[in-house]
Amino acid sequence: MHKNWGLGTLLAPPRQRGLKGLMKRVAHPFVLAVLGRYFEGLQNYLAASLRALDAVAKRSDEDFKAQQQQLEAIRSDLVDFAHHLDERANG
């Protein structure tokens, strides 16, 4: 998604040769004149979506690390508690 969010290459003037390429090159400025604002809005939307996705991914990673640290602390407390119970049971 990060590689393909930019519409610059998609909206660049066509480089094809021949009659088909000529027709595309002639139509290109008209298409951009009509749909340019739409493509600009789409580009802004895609950029904002990627920023939001990156923020969510970063927050998710931070939450995962915090949970891992909490689990390690709980495991350590349980091991200490088990040793304490063993000591009390053995007297």
Protein backbone atom coordinates (compact mmCIF):
# COMPACT_ATOMS: atom_id res chain seq x y z
CA MET A 1 0.00 0.00 0.00
CA HIS A 2 2.85 2.35 0.80
CA LYS A 3 4.41 1.70 -2.58
CA ASN A 4 1.27 2.37 -4.61
CA TRP A 5 -0.48 5.28 -2.89
CA GLY A 6 1.06 7.92 -5.15
CA LEU A 7 -0.97 8.67 -8.25
CA GLY A 8 1.84 10.58 -9.98
CA THR A 9 2.91 7.77 -12.27
CA LEU A 10 -0.69 6.83 -13.01
CA LEU A 11 -1.57 10.41 -13.96
CA ALA A 12 1.60 11.10 -15.91
CA PRO A 13 1.23 11.77 -19.63
CA PRO A 14 1.12 8.56 -21.68
CA ARG A 15 4.29 7.51 -23.46
CA GLN A 16 2.79 5.10 -25.94
CA ARG A 17 3.59 5.43 -29.59
CA GLY A 18 1.35 4.98 -32.56
CA LEU A 19 -2.21 6.13 -33.14
CA LYS A 20 -3.46 4.83 -29.79
CA GLY A 21 -0.67 6.64 -27.94
CA LEU A 22 -1.35 9.84 -29.87
CA MET A 23 -5.03 9.72 -28.96
CA LYS A 24 -4.17 9.16 -25.29
CA ARG A 25 -1.70 12.06 -25.32
CA VAL A 26 -4.31 14.33 -26.89
CA ALA A 27 -7.05 13.28 -24.42
CA HIS A 28 -4.81 13.38 -21.34
CA PRO A 29 -4.95 17.16 -20.67
CA PHE A 30 -8.73 17.16 -21.08
CA VAL A 31 -9.16 14.25 -18.70
CA LEU A 32 -6.97 15.97 -16.12
CA ALA A 33 -8.84 19.25 -16.59
CA VAL A 34 -12.12 17.50 -15.82
CA LEU A 35 -10.99 14.99 -13.20
CA GLY A 36 -7.90 16.71 -11.78
CA ARG A 37 -9.63 17.92 -8.62
CA TYR A 38 -11.07 14.46 -8.05
CA PHE A 39 -7.63 12.87 -8.41
CA GLU A 40 -6.13 15.48 -6.07
CA GLY A 41 -8.79 14.70 -3.47
CA LEU A 42 -8.22 10.99 -3.94
CA GLN A 43 -4.48 11.48 -3.47
CA ASN A 44 -5.10 13.43 -0.24
CA TYR A 45 -7.50 10.75 0.98
CA LEU A 46 -4.99 7.98 0.31
CA ALA A 47 -2.24 9.92 2.10
CA ALA A 48 -4.47 10.52 5.13
CA SER A 49 -5.53 6.87 5.18
CA LEU A 50 -1.92 5.72 5.16
CA ARG A 51 -1.00 8.12 7.97
CA ALA A 52 -3.93 6.79 10.02
CA LEU A 53 -2.97 3.20 9.26
CA ASP A 54 0.63 3.88 10.31
CA ALA A 55 -0.56 5.50 13.55
CA VAL A 56 -2.78 2.52 14.36
CA ALA A 57 0.04 0.09 13.60
CA LYS A 58 2.44 2.03 15.82
CA ARG A 59 -0.08 2.13 18.67
CA SER A 60 -0.76 -1.57 18.24
CA ASP A 61 2.96 -2.33 18.48
CA GLU A 62 3.27 -0.20 21.61
CA ASP A 63 0.29 -1.95 23.22
CA PHE A 64 1.75 -5.36 22.36
CA LYS A 65 5.10 -4.45 23.95
CA ALA A 66 3.33 -3.17 27.07
CA GLN A 67 1.33 -6.40 27.34
CA GLN A 68 4.51 -8.45 26.93
CA GLN A 69 6.14 -6.51 29.77
CA GLN A 70 3.08 -7.04 31.97
CA LEU A 71 3.10 -10.76 31.22
CA GLU A 72 6.77 -11.00 32.12
CA ALA A 73 6.09 -9.23 35.42
CA ILE A 74 3.16 -11.55 36.18
CA ARG A 75 5.26 -14.63 35.35
CA SER A 76 8.02 -13.40 37.64
CA ASP A 77 5.53 -12.75 40.45
CA LEU A 78 4.01 -16.22 40.00
CA VAL A 79 7.43 -17.88 40.12
CA ASP A 80 8.29 -15.95 43.29
CA PHE A 81 4.93 -16.90 44.79
CA ALA A 82 5.47 -20.58 43.91
CA HIS A 83 8.91 -20.51 45.57
CA HIS A 84 7.39 -18.87 48.63
CA LEU A 85 4.68 -21.57 48.82
CA ASP A 86 7.32 -24.32 48.46
CA GLU A 87 9.36 -22.80 51.29
CA ARG A 88 6.32 -22.57 53.55
CA ALA A 89 5.20 -26.09 52.72
CA ASN A 90 8.64 -27.57 53.33
CA GLY A 91 8.93 -25.66 56.48
